[in-house]
Amino acid sequence: MGTTTVLIGERFKRFLQFETTFLAHRGFEVLTASDGTRAVELARARHPRLILLDLEMGTTDGATACAAMRRDPTLAFTPIVILSEADAPDERERCLKAGCTKFVVKPPKPAEVLGSIAQMLSVRQRKVARMPVVFNLIEASGGRQIVGMASDLSGTGLLLLAQRLILVGAELNLEFVIPTTNETVKVKGKVIRTSQNAEGSYEIGVHFVDLPRETQQQIVDYVSS
């Protein structure tokens, strides 16, 4: 397995240096940016496994950078953690709407959040089991429910494995169960990318549409637990 790449967007050089050293010593390759614009450029060029963004970054802050990354199909399912110095409800809501996987208030000891993030990365790499998803095309005449498998899940979408091609822009009705809670999620999704793998099946990137915040948090808790 190759080195796991982490991108950090952080305005404070001292904290950025600490984050870089902490993660590098744990075997991660660390990319750094001191502003949101550069973070977006690096994310598009290098496709890191995890992205950490300081919310309070100059003209292009963490939420704005996160939204720009989510508009790129190759970054639609990348875990993005936004760090903030304050737990302001309106800012938390703005970050979640921008598509962040997790909103974290910076603790007094930076090692606390970095340790949990390193653990989240490790857990995500182990969660390779495929999850059944029932779906059908919205407004498709004579459409029927189809069972596919999701190989990835985040608070903003999932990667659907199916035997049929579904075009980019198509809207789906999705239904699946969050493994740790046994809660059934019913949500609309929009196809943002599609490709065919070596086995002949299709990998379809689906972005959730109007997913309730409570459900999003349940998914985030499952992914990062």
Protein backbone atom coordinates (compact mmCIF):
# COMPACT_ATOMS: atom_id res chain seq x y z
CA MET A 1 0.00 0.00 0.00
CA GLY A 2 1.38 3.43 -0.93
CA THR A 3 1.85 6.35 1.41
CA THR A 4 -1.38 8.05 2.48
CA THR A 5 -1.44 11.71 1.44
CA VAL A 6 -3.00 14.36 3.68
CA LEU A 7 -3.57 17.97 2.61
CA ILE A 8 -3.55 20.67 5.30
CA GLY A 9 -4.83 24.19 4.69
CA GLU A 10 -3.84 26.28 7.69
CA ARG A 11 -3.15 30.02 8.12
CA PHE A 12 -0.95 29.78 11.24
CA LYS A 13 2.59 28.65 10.39
CA ARG A 14 3.30 27.38 13.91
CA PHE A 15 0.23 25.14 14.00
CA LEU A 16 0.84 24.09 10.40
CA GLN A 17 4.36 22.99 11.30
CA PHE A 18 3.05 21.00 14.28
CA GLU A 19 0.38 19.27 12.17
CA THR A 20 2.90 18.42 9.46
CA THR A 21 5.41 16.99 11.91
CA PHE A 22 2.77 15.01 13.82
CA LEU A 23 1.35 13.33 10.72
CA ALA A 24 4.68 12.86 8.94
CA HIS A 25 6.03 10.95 11.94
CA ARG A 26 3.06 8.61 11.60
CA GLY A 27 3.88 7.75 8.01
CA PHE A 28 1.64 10.20 6.16
CA GLU A 29 2.77 12.31 3.22
CA VAL A 30 1.72 15.87 4.06
CA LEU A 31 0.86 18.63 1.56
CA THR A 32 0.44 22.15 2.94
CA ALA A 33 -1.27 25.37 1.89
CA SER A 34 -1.59 28.65 3.76
CA ASP A 35 -4.76 29.79 1.95
CA GLY A 36 -7.90 28.23 0.55
CA THR A 37 -7.15 28.94 -3.09
CA ARG A 38 -3.85 27.06 -2.95
CA ALA A 39 -5.52 24.23 -1.03
CA VAL A 40 -8.05 23.77 -3.84
CA GLU A 41 -5.26 23.74 -6.44
CA LEU A 42 -3.31 21.10 -4.53
CA ALA A 43 -6.39 18.96 -3.92
CA ARG A 44 -7.23 18.90 -7.63
CA ALA A 45 -3.65 18.11 -8.59
CA ARG A 46 -2.78 15.49 -5.94
CA HIS A 47 -6.12 13.92 -4.83
CA PRO A 48 -5.19 13.42 -1.16
CA ARG A 49 -6.81 10.76 1.01
CA LEU A 50 -7.82 13.36 3.64
CA ILE A 51 -8.09 17.17 3.66
CA LEU A 52 -7.87 19.38 6.76
CA LEU A 53 -8.97 22.99 6.35
CA ASP A 54 -8.75 25.91 8.75
CA LEU A 55 -12.09 27.72 8.57
CA GLU A 56 -10.54 31.15 9.12
CA MET A 57 -8.24 31.34 6.08
CA GLY A 58 -8.01 34.77 4.42
CA THR A 59 -10.24 35.63 1.47
CA THR A 60 -10.90 31.98 0.54
CA ASP A 61 -11.83 30.38 3.85
CA GLY A 62 -12.21 26.70 4.65
CA ALA A 63 -15.92 26.50 3.82
CA THR A 64 -15.46 28.23 0.46
CA ALA A 65 -12.51 25.99 -0.38
CA CYS A 66 -14.51 22.90 0.64
CA ALA A 67 -17.43 23.87 -1.62
CA ALA A 68 -15.03 24.37 -4.55
CA MET A 69 -13.50 20.93 -3.96
CA ARG A 70 -16.91 19.25 -3.83
CA ARG A 71 -17.72 20.63 -7.28
CA ASP A 72 -14.82 18.56 -8.63
CA PRO A 73 -16.10 14.97 -9.24
CA THR A 74 -12.69 13.52 -8.30
CA LEU A 75 -12.98 15.09 -4.83
CA ALA A 76 -16.65 14.37 -4.21
CA PHE A 77 -15.99 11.64 -1.63
CA THR A 78 -12.67 12.77 -0.16
CA PRO A 79 -12.97 13.22 3.63
CA ILE A 80 -12.75 16.95 4.39
CA VAL A 81 -12.43 18.10 8.00
CA ILE A 82 -12.89 21.81 8.74
CA LEU A 83 -11.26 23.12 11.92
CA SER A 84 -12.57 26.23 13.68
CA GLU A 85 -11.48 28.15 16.76
CA ALA A 86 -15.10 28.66 17.82
CA ASP A 87 -18.19 26.45 17.81
CA ALA A 88 -20.55 28.95 16.18
CA PRO A 89 -23.80 27.21 15.07
CA ASP A 90 -24.14 29.30 11.90
CA GLU A 91 -20.54 28.57 10.86
CA ARG A 92 -20.96 24.87 11.60
CA GLU A 93 -24.09 24.82 9.43
CA ARG A 94 -22.30 26.68 6.62
CA CYS A 95 -19.44 24.18 6.64
CA LEU A 96 -21.77 21.18 6.57
CA LYS A 97 -23.72 22.70 3.67
CA ALA A 98 -20.40 23.23 1.86
CA GLY A 99 -19.94 19.47 2.04
CA CYS A 100 -17.42 18.92 4.83
CA THR A 101 -17.27 15.45 6.32
CA LYS A 102 -16.69 16.74 9.82
CA PHE A 103 -16.62 20.10 11.66
CA VAL A 104 -14.14 20.17 14.55
CA VAL A 105 -13.50 22.86 17.13
CA LYS A 106 -9.76 23.22 17.64
CA PRO A 107 -8.89 21.78 21.07
CA PRO A 108 -6.30 23.34 23.43
CA LYS A 109 -3.93 20.48 22.56
CA PRO A 110 -3.60 20.05 18.75
CA ALA A 111 -2.49 16.44 19.21
CA GLU A 112 -6.02 15.56 20.37
CA VAL A 113 -7.69 16.36 17.05
CA LEU A 114 -4.77 15.06 14.99
CA GLY A 115 -4.81 11.77 16.87
CA SER A 116 -8.51 11.29 16.16
CA ILE A 117 -7.96 12.20 12.50
CA ALA A 118 -5.14 9.66 12.18
CA GLN A 119 -7.49 7.10 13.70
CA MET A 120 -10.25 8.08 11.26
CA LEU A 121 -7.92 7.53 8.33
CA SER A 122 -6.98 4.11 9.62
CA VAL A 123 -10.62 3.13 10.17
CA ARG A 124 -11.65 4.34 6.71
CA GLN A 125 -8.97 2.16 5.12
CA ARG A 126 -10.31 -0.89 6.99
CA LYS A 127 -13.97 -0.27 6.09
CA VAL A 128 -13.95 -1.95 2.70
CA ALA A 129 -17.10 -4.04 3.10
CA ARG A 130 -19.72 -3.23 0.48
CA MET A 131 -23.10 -2.00 1.61
CA PRO A 132 -26.34 -2.82 -0.24
CA VAL A 133 -28.26 0.14 -1.68
CA VAL A 134 -31.73 0.06 -3.25
CA PHE A 135 -32.16 2.73 -5.93
CA ASN A 136 -34.22 3.75 -8.93
CA LEU A 137 -34.15 6.55 -11.48
CA ILE A 138 -36.47 9.44 -10.70
CA GLU A 139 -39.17 10.04 -13.34
CA ALA A 140 -38.11 6.97 -15.31
CA SER A 141 -41.22 5.53 -16.95
CA GLY A 142 -41.72 1.94 -15.92
CA GLY A 143 -38.65 2.13 -13.71
CA ARG A 144 -38.05 -0.55 -11.13
CA GLN A 145 -36.05 -0.71 -7.94
CA ILE A 146 -32.53 -2.06 -8.39
CA VAL A 147 -30.15 -3.31 -5.73
CA GLY A 148 -26.57 -2.13 -6.04
CA MET A 149 -23.62 -1.97 -3.66
CA ALA A 150 -21.88 1.06 -2.18
CA SER A 151 -18.12 0.72 -1.76
CA ASP A 152 -17.73 4.11 -0.09
CA LEU A 153 -19.91 6.36 2.04
CA SER A 154 -19.51 9.90 3.31
CA GLY A 155 -21.68 12.65 4.70
CA THR A 156 -22.14 14.06 1.21
CA GLY A 157 -22.58 11.00 -1.00
CA LEU A 158 -21.58 7.47 -1.90
CA LEU A 159 -19.91 5.46 -4.63
CA LEU A 160 -22.48 3.13 -6.14
CA LEU A 161 -21.49 -0.10 -7.89
CA ALA A 162 -24.09 -1.16 -10.46
CA GLN A 163 -24.43 -3.42 -13.49
CA ARG A 164 -25.98 -0.72 -15.64
CA LEU A 165 -24.77 2.67 -16.81
CA ILE A 166 -26.43 5.71 -15.28
CA LEU A 167 -25.61 9.00 -16.94
CA VAL A 168 -24.11 12.01 -15.20
CA GLY A 169 -26.87 14.38 -14.10
CA ALA A 170 -29.43 11.62 -13.49
CA GLU A 171 -31.36 11.78 -10.22
CA LEU A 172 -31.93 8.71 -8.08
CA ASN A 173 -34.05 7.67 -5.14
CA LEU A 174 -31.69 5.88 -2.74
CA GLU A 175 -32.38 3.68 0.27
CA PHE A 176 -29.75 2.10 2.52
CA VAL A 177 -29.09 1.20 6.14
CA ILE A 178 -26.32 2.76 8.26
CA PRO A 179 -24.61 -0.36 9.68
CA THR A 180 -23.99 0.87 13.23
CA THR A 181 -27.46 2.28 13.82
CA ASN A 182 -29.67 0.09 11.62
CA GLU A 183 -31.37 3.34 10.63
CA THR A 184 -32.83 3.31 7.11
CA VAL A 185 -31.85 6.33 5.04
CA LYS A 186 -34.11 7.42 2.17
CA VAL A 187 -32.62 10.29 0.17
CA LYS A 188 -32.42 11.68 -3.34
CA GLY A 189 -29.06 11.68 -5.07
CA LYS A 190 -27.56 13.18 -8.20
CA VAL A 191 -25.00 11.34 -10.35
CA ILE A 192 -21.84 13.46 -10.64
CA ARG A 193 -19.49 10.96 -12.30
CA THR A 194 -19.51 7.47 -13.77
CA SER A 195 -16.91 5.02 -15.05
CA GLN A 196 -16.66 1.36 -15.98
CA ASN A 197 -14.23 -0.86 -14.08
CA ALA A 198 -12.19 -3.85 -15.26
CA GLU A 199 -14.97 -6.29 -14.27
CA GLY A 200 -17.46 -4.54 -16.57
CA SER A 201 -19.65 -3.05 -13.83
CA TYR A 202 -20.08 0.68 -13.31
CA GLU A 203 -18.80 2.91 -10.53
CA ILE A 204 -21.23 5.77 -10.07
CA GLY A 205 -20.48 8.76 -7.87
CA VAL A 206 -23.70 10.01 -6.27
CA HIS A 207 -24.04 13.27 -4.32
CA PHE A 208 -26.84 13.42 -1.74
CA VAL A 209 -29.53 16.06 -2.26
CA ASP A 210 -31.07 17.71 0.83
CA LEU A 211 -29.80 15.08 3.27
CA PRO A 212 -31.10 15.98 6.77
CA ARG A 213 -28.37 17.21 9.08
CA GLU A 214 -29.18 14.56 11.71
CA THR A 215 -28.79 11.79 9.15
CA GLN A 216 -25.58 13.31 7.83
CA GLN A 217 -24.17 13.31 11.35
CA GLN A 218 -25.09 9.63 11.80
CA ILE A 219 -23.20 8.81 8.62
CA VAL A 220 -20.20 10.90 9.68
CA ASP A 221 -20.17 9.18 13.08
CA TYR A 222 -20.20 5.77 11.38
CA VAL A 223 -17.38 6.65 8.95
CA SER A 224 -15.17 8.18 11.63
CA SER A 225 -15.96 5.79 14.50
